[in-house]
Amino acid sequence: MDAQSMDARLDRLEQAIFARFDQISTEVAALDRKVTSLQEFVLDFRAETIQRFEHLENRVDMMLLTVQSFDARVPALTKAVMDMQVRMGKLEKPAA
């Protein structure tokens, strides 16, 4: 093999290597854009999830207060119903 053909082969090999490096660089840049986009999506999703859980927590707190308020009124309502039953019983006795 003479020197010129060896130089030509090395030049082609060098061009092929640089072409492959350019291709890899392009693919890495595309992958980097996709990862950046995915990272932004995950961060946005995280913020949205935190916000929605805060809203849910507020609703649960309001429901808890409502139930506690209702529980506080039940004994008074029960007593009122029992008093009404006694009065109704007194009203029915003379009619019988």
PDB file of N, CA and C in Angstrom:
ATOM      1  N   MET A   1       0.856  -1.162   0.000  1.00  0.00           N
ATOM      2  CA  MET A   1       0.000   0.000   0.000  1.00  0.00           C
ATOM      3  C   MET A   1       0.906   1.231   0.000  1.00  0.00           C
ATOM      4  N   ASP A   2       0.626   2.139  -0.874  1.00  0.00           N
ATOM      5  CA  ASP A   2       1.490   3.323  -0.940  1.00  0.00           C
ATOM      6  C   ASP A   2       0.982   4.392   0.018  1.00  0.00           C
ATOM      7  N   ALA A   3       1.724   5.427   0.177  1.00  0.00           N
ATOM      8  CA  ALA A   3       1.457   6.473   1.165  1.00  0.00           C
ATOM      9  C   ALA A   3       0.220   7.275   0.802  1.00  0.00           C
ATOM     10  N   GLN A   4       0.005   7.475  -0.496  1.00  0.00           N
ATOM     11  CA  GLN A   4      -1.169   8.263  -0.898  1.00  0.00           C
ATOM     12  C   GLN A   4      -2.469   7.524  -0.581  1.00  0.00           C
ATOM     13  N   SER A   5      -2.507   6.251  -0.866  1.00  0.00           N
ATOM     14  CA  SER A   5      -3.741   5.507  -0.574  1.00  0.00           C
ATOM     15  C   SER A   5      -3.964   5.409   0.932  1.00  0.00           C
ATOM     16  N   MET A   6      -2.863   5.292   1.683  1.00  0.00           N
ATOM     17  CA  MET A   6      -2.990   5.266   3.151  1.00  0.00           C
ATOM     18  C   MET A   6      -3.492   6.605   3.655  1.00  0.00           C
ATOM     19  N   ASP A   7      -2.984   7.695   3.116  1.00  0.00           N
ATOM     20  CA  ASP A   7      -3.460   9.033   3.506  1.00  0.00           C
ATOM     21  C   ASP A   7      -4.926   9.208   3.132  1.00  0.00           C
ATOM     22  N   ALA A   8      -5.327   8.717   1.970  1.00  0.00           N
ATOM     23  CA  ALA A   8      -6.711   8.831   1.521  1.00  0.00           C
ATOM     24  C   ALA A   8      -7.630   8.041   2.454  1.00  0.00           C
ATOM     25  N   ARG A   9      -7.204   6.837   2.841  1.00  0.00           N
ATOM     26  CA  ARG A   9      -8.004   6.032   3.769  1.00  0.00           C
ATOM     27  C   ARG A   9      -8.137   6.719   5.121  1.00  0.00           C
ATOM     28  N   LEU A  10      -7.028   7.279   5.608  1.00  0.00           N
ATOM     29  CA  LEU A  10      -7.064   7.980   6.898  1.00  0.00           C
ATOM     30  C   LEU A  10      -7.948   9.222   6.816  1.00  0.00           C
ATOM     31  N   ASP A  11      -7.918   9.925   5.680  1.00  0.00           N
ATOM     32  CA  ASP A  11      -8.770  11.098   5.511  1.00  0.00           C
ATOM     33  C   ASP A  11     -10.249  10.702   5.519  1.00  0.00           C
ATOM     34  N   ARG A  12     -10.586   9.619   4.820  1.00  0.00           N
ATOM     35  CA  ARG A  12     -11.974   9.141   4.812  1.00  0.00           C
ATOM     36  C   ARG A  12     -12.413   8.702   6.220  1.00  0.00           C
ATOM     37  N   LEU A  13     -11.519   8.016   6.906  1.00  0.00           N
ATOM     38  CA  LEU A  13     -11.826   7.578   8.278  1.00  0.00           C
ATOM     39  C   LEU A  13     -12.036   8.780   9.188  1.00  0.00           C
ATOM     40  N   GLU A  14     -11.178   9.781   9.042  1.00  0.00           N
ATOM     41  CA  GLU A  14     -11.301  10.997   9.857  1.00  0.00           C
ATOM     42  C   GLU A  14     -12.615  11.708   9.546  1.00  0.00           C
ATOM     43  N   GLN A  15     -12.986  11.791   8.271  1.00  0.00           N
ATOM     44  CA  GLN A  15     -14.251  12.427   7.887  1.00  0.00           C
ATOM     45  C   GLN A  15     -15.443  11.642   8.453  1.00  0.00           C
ATOM     46  N   ALA A  16     -15.352  10.321   8.404  1.00  0.00           N
ATOM     47  CA  ALA A  16     -16.430   9.490   8.936  1.00  0.00           C
ATOM     48  C   ALA A  16     -16.566   9.682  10.443  1.00  0.00           C
ATOM     49  N   ILE A  17     -15.419   9.767  11.120  1.00  0.00           N
ATOM     50  CA  ILE A  17     -15.456   9.970  12.584  1.00  0.00           C
ATOM     51  C   ILE A  17     -16.063  11.328  12.906  1.00  0.00           C
ATOM     52  N   PHE A  18     -15.645  12.378  12.191  1.00  0.00           N
ATOM     53  CA  PHE A  18     -16.191  13.715  12.451  1.00  0.00           C
ATOM     54  C   PHE A  18     -17.676  13.781  12.091  1.00  0.00           C
ATOM     55  N   ALA A  19     -18.078  13.083  11.040  1.00  0.00           N
ATOM     56  CA  ALA A  19     -19.500  13.052  10.676  1.00  0.00           C
ATOM     57  C   ALA A  19     -20.300  12.368  11.777  1.00  0.00           C
ATOM     58  N   ARG A  20     -19.753  11.285  12.324  1.00  0.00           N
ATOM     59  CA  ARG A  20     -20.445  10.571  13.413  1.00  0.00           C
ATOM     60  C   ARG A  20     -20.508  11.432  14.666  1.00  0.00           C
ATOM     61  N   PHE A  21     -19.417  12.172  14.971  1.00  0.00           N
ATOM     62  CA  PHE A  21     -19.434  13.089  16.119  1.00  0.00           C
ATOM     63  C   PHE A  21     -20.493  14.165  15.931  1.00  0.00           C
ATOM     64  N   ASP A  22     -20.623  14.702  14.720  1.00  0.00           N
ATOM     65  CA  ASP A  22     -21.648  15.719  14.449  1.00  0.00           C
ATOM     66  C   ASP A  22     -23.046  15.133  14.644  1.00  0.00           C
ATOM     67  N   GLN A  23     -23.244  13.910  14.174  1.00  0.00           N
ATOM     68  CA  GLN A  23     -24.533  13.241  14.328  1.00  0.00           C
ATOM     69  C   GLN A  23     -24.846  13.011  15.803  1.00  0.00           C
ATOM     70  N   ILE A  24     -23.859  12.546  16.546  1.00  0.00           N
ATOM     71  CA  ILE A  24     -24.049  12.325  17.992  1.00  0.00           C
ATOM     72  C   ILE A  24     -24.339  13.637  18.692  1.00  0.00           C
ATOM     73  N   SER A  25     -23.635  14.690  18.315  1.00  0.00           N
ATOM     74  CA  SER A  25     -23.852  16.005  18.926  1.00  0.00           C
ATOM     75  C   SER A  25     -25.274  16.490  18.668  1.00  0.00           C
ATOM     76  N   THR A  26     -25.781  16.286  17.459  1.00  0.00           N
ATOM     77  CA  THR A  26     -27.150  16.682  17.125  1.00  0.00           C
ATOM     78  C   THR A  26     -28.152  15.871  17.948  1.00  0.00           C
ATOM     79  N   GLU A  27     -27.909  14.579  18.064  1.00  0.00           N
ATOM     80  CA  GLU A  27     -28.807  13.726  18.839  1.00  0.00           C
ATOM     81  C   GLU A  27     -28.798  14.095  20.317  1.00  0.00           C
ATOM     82  N   VAL A  28     -27.625  14.412  20.835  1.00  0.00           N
ATOM     83  CA  VAL A  28     -27.513  14.814  22.241  1.00  0.00           C
ATOM     84  C   VAL A  28     -28.240  16.139  22.467  1.00  0.00           C
ATOM     85  N   ALA A  29     -28.121  17.065  21.518  1.00  0.00           N
ATOM     86  CA  ALA A  29     -28.826  18.347  21.656  1.00  0.00           C
ATOM     87  C   ALA A  29     -30.339  18.130  21.654  1.00  0.00           C
ATOM     88  N   ALA A  30     -30.823  17.243  20.783  1.00  0.00           N
ATOM     89  CA  ALA A  30     -32.261  16.951  20.751  1.00  0.00           C
ATOM     90  C   ALA A  30     -32.704  16.296  22.053  1.00  0.00           C
ATOM     91  N   LEU A  31     -31.907  15.386  22.549  1.00  0.00           N
ATOM     92  CA  LEU A  31     -32.222  14.726  23.818  1.00  0.00           C
ATOM     93  C   LEU A  31     -32.211  15.725  24.965  1.00  0.00           C
ATOM     94  N   ASP A  32     -31.274  16.652  24.938  1.00  0.00           N
ATOM     95  CA  ASP A  32     -31.201  17.687  25.972  1.00  0.00           C
ATOM     96  C   ASP A  32     -32.464  18.550  25.960  1.00  0.00           C
ATOM     97  N   ARG A  33     -32.948  18.898  24.758  1.00  0.00           N
ATOM     98  CA  ARG A  33     -34.189  19.684  24.672  1.00  0.00           C
ATOM     99  C   ARG A  33     -35.369  18.897  25.230  1.00  0.00           C
ATOM    100  N   LYS A  34     -35.428  17.610  24.927  1.00  0.00           N
ATOM    101  CA  LYS A  34     -36.523  16.781  25.440  1.00  0.00           C
ATOM    102  C   LYS A  34     -36.463  16.654  26.955  1.00  0.00           C
ATOM    103  N   VAL A  35     -35.284  16.475  27.498  1.00  0.00           N
ATOM    104  CA  VAL A  35     -35.132  16.355  28.955  1.00  0.00           C
ATOM    105  C   VAL A  35     -35.507  17.677  29.626  1.00  0.00           C
ATOM    106  N   THR A  36     -35.097  18.785  29.028  1.00  0.00           N
ATOM    107  CA  THR A  36     -35.448  20.097  29.586  1.00  0.00           C
ATOM    108  C   THR A  36     -36.962  20.291  29.565  1.00  0.00           C
ATOM    109  N   SER A  37     -37.597  19.900  28.469  1.00  0.00           N
ATOM    110  CA  SER A  37     -39.052  20.005  28.368  1.00  0.00           C
ATOM    111  C   SER A  37     -39.732  19.120  29.406  1.00  0.00           C
ATOM    112  N   LEU A  38     -39.245  17.907  29.565  1.00  0.00           N
ATOM    113  CA  LEU A  38     -39.814  16.996  30.558  1.00  0.00           C
ATOM    114  C   LEU A  38     -39.608  17.532  31.973  1.00  0.00           C
ATOM    115  N   GLN A  39     -38.453  18.105  32.225  1.00  0.00           N
ATOM    116  CA  GLN A  39     -38.178  18.676  33.547  1.00  0.00           C
ATOM    117  C   GLN A  39     -39.138  19.823  33.839  1.00  0.00           C
ATOM    118  N   GLU A  40     -39.383  20.676  32.857  1.00  0.00           N
ATOM    119  CA  GLU A  40     -40.336  21.780  33.046  1.00  0.00           C
ATOM    120  C   GLU A  40     -41.739  21.241  33.309  1.00  0.00           C
ATOM    121  N   PHE A  41     -42.125  20.196  32.569  1.00  0.00           N
ATOM    122  CA  PHE A  41     -43.441  19.594  32.769  1.00  0.00           C
ATOM    123  C   PHE A  41     -43.574  19.045  34.187  1.00  0.00           C
ATOM    124  N   VAL A  42     -42.541  18.352  34.655  1.00  0.00           N
ATOM    125  CA  VAL A  42     -42.588  17.758  35.994  1.00  0.00           C
ATOM    126  C   VAL A  42     -42.676  18.849  37.057  1.00  0.00           C
ATOM    127  N   LEU A  43     -41.925  19.912  36.887  1.00  0.00           N
ATOM    128  CA  LEU A  43     -41.974  21.008  37.864  1.00  0.00           C
ATOM    129  C   LEU A  43     -43.339  21.692  37.852  1.00  0.00           C
ATOM    130  N   ASP A  44     -43.905  21.888  36.650  1.00  0.00           N
ATOM    131  CA  ASP A  44     -45.247  22.476  36.567  1.00  0.00           C
ATOM    132  C   ASP A  44     -46.280  21.542  37.196  1.00  0.00           C
ATOM    133  N   PHE A  45     -46.153  20.253  36.926  1.00  0.00           N
ATOM    134  CA  PHE A  45     -47.075  19.272  37.497  1.00  0.00           C
ATOM    135  C   PHE A  45     -46.970  19.269  39.017  1.00  0.00           C
ATOM    136  N   ARG A  46     -45.742  19.373  39.527  1.00  0.00           N
ATOM    137  CA  ARG A  46     -45.533  19.399  40.977  1.00  0.00           C
ATOM    138  C   ARG A  46     -46.224  20.607  41.590  1.00  0.00           C
ATOM    139  N   ALA A  47     -46.026  21.782  40.970  1.00  0.00           N
ATOM    140  CA  ALA A  47     -46.652  23.000  41.493  1.00  0.00           C
ATOM    141  C   ALA A  47     -48.176  22.884  41.451  1.00  0.00           C
ATOM    142  N   GLU A  48     -48.704  22.349  40.353  1.00  0.00           N
ATOM    143  CA  GLU A  48     -50.152  22.179  40.229  1.00  0.00           C
ATOM    144  C   GLU A  48     -50.681  21.195  41.273  1.00  0.00           C
ATOM    145  N   THR A  49     -49.942  20.133  41.501  1.00  0.00           N
ATOM    146  CA  THR A  49     -50.355  19.132  42.491  1.00  0.00           C
ATOM    147  C   THR A  49     -50.362  19.739  43.891  1.00  0.00           C
ATOM    148  N   ILE A  50     -49.344  20.488  44.221  1.00  0.00           N
ATOM    149  CA  ILE A  50     -49.290  21.143  45.534  1.00  0.00           C
ATOM    150  C   ILE A  50     -50.485  22.079  45.704  1.00  0.00           C
ATOM    151  N   GLN A  51     -50.774  22.855  44.660  1.00  0.00           N
ATOM    152  CA  GLN A  51     -51.892  23.793  44.733  1.00  0.00           C
ATOM    153  C   GLN A  51     -53.218  23.054  44.904  1.00  0.00           C
ATOM    154  N   ARG A  52     -53.409  21.982  44.160  1.00  0.00           N
ATOM    155  CA  ARG A  52     -54.667  21.240  44.268  1.00  0.00           C
ATOM    156  C   ARG A  52     -54.812  20.577  45.632  1.00  0.00           C
ATOM    157  N   PHE A  53     -53.711  20.061  46.185  1.00  0.00           N
ATOM    158  CA  PHE A  53     -53.800  19.469  47.518  1.00  0.00           C
ATOM    159  C   PHE A  53     -54.104  20.526  48.572  1.00  0.00           C
ATOM    160  N   GLU A  54     -53.608  21.740  48.386  1.00  0.00           N
ATOM    161  CA  GLU A  54     -53.946  22.818  49.323  1.00  0.00           C
ATOM    162  C   GLU A  54     -55.442  23.122  49.259  1.00  0.00           C
ATOM    163  N   HIS A  55     -55.998  23.144  48.033  1.00  0.00           N
ATOM    164  CA  HIS A  55     -57.439  23.378  47.896  1.00  0.00           C
ATOM    165  C   HIS A  55     -58.233  22.245  48.542  1.00  0.00           C
ATOM    166  N   LEU A  56     -57.796  21.025  48.323  1.00  0.00           N
ATOM    167  CA  LEU A  56     -58.480  19.881  48.946  1.00  0.00           C
ATOM    168  C   LEU A  56     -58.402  19.964  50.466  1.00  0.00           C
ATOM    169  N   GLU A  57     -57.245  20.341  50.972  1.00  0.00           N
ATOM    170  CA  GLU A  57     -57.089  20.454  52.425  1.00  0.00           C
ATOM    171  C   GLU A  57     -58.028  21.518  52.983  1.00  0.00           C
ATOM    172  N   ASN A  58     -58.161  22.635  52.262  1.00  0.00           N
ATOM    173  CA  ASN A  58     -59.089  23.684  52.708  1.00  0.00           C
ATOM    174  C   ASN A  58     -60.524  23.180  52.713  1.00  0.00           C
ATOM    175  N   ARG A  59     -60.897  22.430  51.681  1.00  0.00           N
ATOM    176  CA  ARG A  59     -62.264  21.890  51.630  1.00  0.00           C
ATOM    177  C   ARG A  59     -62.507  20.896  52.752  1.00  0.00           C
ATOM    178  N   VAL A  60     -61.527  20.046  53.018  1.00  0.00           N
ATOM    179  CA  VAL A  60     -61.670  19.077  54.104  1.00  0.00           C
ATOM    180  C   VAL A  60     -61.800  19.802  55.441  1.00  0.00           C
ATOM    181  N   ASP A  61     -61.025  20.865  55.632  1.00  0.00           N
ATOM    182  CA  ASP A  61     -61.137  21.649  56.867  1.00  0.00           C
ATOM    183  C   ASP A  61     -62.536  22.246  57.011  1.00  0.00           C
ATOM    184  N   MET A  62     -63.088  22.778  55.901  1.00  0.00           N
ATOM    185  CA  MET A  62     -64.432  23.349  55.957  1.00  0.00           C
ATOM    186  C   MET A  62     -65.468  22.264  56.264  1.00  0.00           C
ATOM    187  N   MET A  63     -65.309  21.106  55.666  1.00  0.00           N
ATOM    188  CA  MET A  63     -66.239  20.005  55.943  1.00  0.00           C
ATOM    189  C   MET A  63     -66.141  19.565  57.393  1.00  0.00           C
ATOM    190  N   LEU A  64     -64.930  19.526  57.915  1.00  0.00           N
ATOM    191  CA  LEU A  64     -64.742  19.149  59.314  1.00  0.00           C
ATOM    192  C   LEU A  64     -65.432  20.140  60.236  1.00  0.00           C
ATOM    193  N   LEU A  65     -65.281  21.427  59.954  1.00  0.00           N
ATOM    194  CA  LEU A  65     -65.954  22.439  60.769  1.00  0.00           C
ATOM    195  C   LEU A  65     -67.472  22.289  60.692  1.00  0.00           C
ATOM    196  N   THR A  66     -67.984  21.979  59.503  1.00  0.00           N
ATOM    197  CA  THR A  66     -69.423  21.790  59.341  1.00  0.00           C
ATOM    198  C   THR A  66     -69.912  20.598  60.153  1.00  0.00           C
ATOM    199  N   VAL A  67     -69.172  19.490  60.065  1.00  0.00           N
ATOM    200  CA  VAL A  67     -69.562  18.297  60.821  1.00  0.00           C
ATOM    201  C   VAL A  67     -69.477  18.559  62.317  1.00  0.00           C
ATOM    202  N   GLN A  68     -68.439  19.243  62.746  1.00  0.00           N
ATOM    203  CA  GLN A  68     -68.315  19.562  64.173  1.00  0.00           C
ATOM    204  C   GLN A  68     -69.458  20.460  64.628  1.00  0.00           C
ATOM    205  N   SER A  69     -69.833  21.405  63.781  1.00  0.00           N
ATOM    206  CA  SER A  69     -70.950  22.284  64.118  1.00  0.00           C
ATOM    207  C   SER A  69     -72.245  21.478  64.217  1.00  0.00           C
ATOM    208  N   PHE A  70     -72.435  20.565  63.283  1.00  0.00           N
ATOM    209  CA  PHE A  70     -73.621  19.714  63.307  1.00  0.00           C
ATOM    210  C   PHE A  70     -73.616  18.833  64.555  1.00  0.00           C
ATOM    211  N   ASP A  71     -72.450  18.246  64.869  1.00  0.00           N
ATOM    212  CA  ASP A  71     -72.341  17.407  66.069  1.00  0.00           C
ATOM    213  C   ASP A  71     -72.655  18.197  67.335  1.00  0.00           C
ATOM    214  N   ALA A  72     -72.277  19.462  67.343  1.00  0.00           N
ATOM    215  CA  ALA A  72     -72.544  20.284  68.522  1.00  0.00           C
ATOM    216  C   ALA A  72     -74.043  20.563  68.670  1.00  0.00           C
ATOM    217  N   ARG A  73     -74.770  20.563  67.557  1.00  0.00           N
ATOM    218  CA  ARG A  73     -76.205  20.865  67.607  1.00  0.00           C
ATOM    219  C   ARG A  73     -77.063  19.633  67.887  1.00  0.00           C
ATOM    220  N   VAL A  74     -76.541  18.462  67.655  1.00  0.00           N
ATOM    221  CA  VAL A  74     -77.345  17.238  67.805  1.00  0.00           C
ATOM    222  C   VAL A  74     -77.923  17.078  69.208  1.00  0.00           C
ATOM    223  N   PRO A  75     -77.153  17.264  70.283  1.00  0.00           N
ATOM    224  CA  PRO A  75     -77.773  17.098  71.614  1.00  0.00           C
ATOM    225  C   PRO A  75     -78.947  18.050  71.843  1.00  0.00           C
ATOM    226  N   ALA A  76     -78.821  19.291  71.393  1.00  0.00           N
ATOM    227  CA  ALA A  76     -79.916  20.251  71.561  1.00  0.00           C
ATOM    228  C   ALA A  76     -81.123  19.822  70.739  1.00  0.00           C
ATOM    229  N   LEU A  77     -80.883  19.342  69.531  1.00  0.00           N
ATOM    230  CA  LEU A  77     -81.991  18.870  68.700  1.00  0.00           C
ATOM    231  C   LEU A  77     -82.659  17.642  69.318  1.00  0.00           C
ATOM    232  N   THR A  78     -81.860  16.756  69.846  1.00  0.00           N
ATOM    233  CA  THR A  78     -82.394  15.553  70.481  1.00  0.00           C
ATOM    234  C   THR A  78     -83.280  15.937  71.668  1.00  0.00           C
ATOM    235  N   LYS A  79     -82.808  16.881  72.486  1.00  0.00           N
ATOM    236  CA  LYS A  79     -83.591  17.337  73.636  1.00  0.00           C
ATOM    237  C   LYS A  79     -84.886  17.998  73.172  1.00  0.00           C
ATOM    238  N   ALA A  80     -84.813  18.779  72.098  1.00  0.00           N
ATOM    239  CA  ALA A  80     -86.019  19.438  71.582  1.00  0.00           C
ATOM    240  C   ALA A  80     -87.027  18.413  71.083  1.00  0.00           C
ATOM    241  N   VAL A  81     -86.561  17.375  70.431  1.00  0.00           N
ATOM    242  CA  VAL A  81     -87.466  16.320  69.951  1.00  0.00           C
ATOM    243  C   VAL A  81     -88.104  15.591  71.129  1.00  0.00           C
ATOM    244  N   MET A  82     -87.318  15.306  72.147  1.00  0.00           N
ATOM    245  CA  MET A  82     -87.853  14.615  73.324  1.00  0.00           C
ATOM    246  C   MET A  82     -88.872  15.500  74.041  1.00  0.00           C
ATOM    247  N   ASP A  83     -88.578  16.797  74.163  1.00  0.00           N
ATOM    248  CA  ASP A  83     -89.535  17.717  74.788  1.00  0.00           C
ATOM    249  C   ASP A  83     -90.829  17.782  73.987  1.00  0.00           C
ATOM    250  N   MET A  84     -90.698  17.791  72.647  1.00  0.00           N
ATOM    251  CA  MET A  84     -91.877  17.824  71.793  1.00  0.00           C
ATOM    252  C   MET A  84     -92.703  16.546  71.968  1.00  0.00           C
ATOM    253  N   GLN A  85     -92.028  15.431  72.132  1.00  0.00           N
ATOM    254  CA  GLN A  85     -92.727  14.159  72.340  1.00  0.00           C
ATOM    255  C   GLN A  85     -93.512  14.198  73.657  1.00  0.00           C
ATOM    256  N   VAL A  86     -92.893  14.740  74.710  1.00  0.00           N
ATOM    257  CA  VAL A  86     -93.581  14.842  76.004  1.00  0.00           C
ATOM    258  C   VAL A  86     -94.809  15.740  75.866  1.00  0.00           C
ATOM    259  N   ARG A  87     -94.677  16.870  75.195  1.00  0.00           N
ATOM    260  CA  ARG A  87     -95.809  17.793  75.016  1.00  0.00           C
ATOM    261  C   ARG A  87     -96.923  17.140  74.206  1.00  0.00           C
ATOM    262  N   MET A  88     -96.524  16.438  73.143  1.00  0.00           N
ATOM    263  CA  MET A  88     -97.533  15.760  72.313  1.00  0.00           C
ATOM    264  C   MET A  88     -98.253  14.682  73.125  1.00  0.00           C
ATOM    265  N   GLY A  89     -97.493  14.006  73.989  1.00  0.00           N
ATOM    266  CA  GLY A  89     -98.095  12.999  74.849  1.00  0.00           C
ATOM    267  C   GLY A  89     -99.109  13.610  75.798  1.00  0.00           C
ATOM    268  N   LYS A  90     -98.798  14.798  76.338  1.00  0.00           N
ATOM    269  CA  LYS A  90     -99.727  15.476  77.237  1.00  0.00           C
ATOM    270  C   LYS A  90    -100.971  15.941  76.497  1.00  0.00           C
ATOM    271  N   LEU A  91    -100.772  16.366  75.235  1.00  0.00           N
ATOM    272  CA  LEU A  91    -101.928  16.809  74.466  1.00  0.00           C
ATOM    273  C   LEU A  91    -102.846  15.655  74.082  1.00  0.00           C
ATOM    274  N   GLU A  92    -102.285  14.486  73.873  1.00  0.00           N
ATOM    275  CA  GLU A  92    -103.089  13.322  73.482  1.00  0.00           C
ATOM    276  C   GLU A  92    -103.859  12.715  74.651  1.00  0.00           C
ATOM    277  N   LYS A  93    -103.357  12.811  75.878  1.00  0.00           N
ATOM    278  CA  LYS A  93    -104.026  12.186  77.027  1.00  0.00           C
ATOM    279  C   LYS A  93    -105.425  12.720  77.253  1.00  0.00           C
ATOM    280  N   PRO A  94    -105.661  14.012  77.231  1.00  0.00           N
ATOM    281  CA  PRO A  94    -107.041  14.467  77.451  1.00  0.00           C
ATOM    282  C   PRO A  94    -108.000  14.037  76.339  1.00  0.00           C
ATOM    283  N   ALA A  95    -107.478  13.868  75.129  1.00  0.00           N
ATOM    284  CA  ALA A  95    -108.340  13.471  74.029  1.00  0.00           C
ATOM    285  C   ALA A  95    -108.732  12.002  74.135  1.00  0.00           C
ATOM    286  N   ALA A  96    -107.971  11.203  74.847  1.00  0.00           N
ATOM    287  CA  ALA A  96    -108.264   9.787  74.938  1.00  0.00           C
ATOM    288  C   ALA A  96    -109.311   9.440  75.944  1.00  0.00           C
TER     289      ALA A  96
END
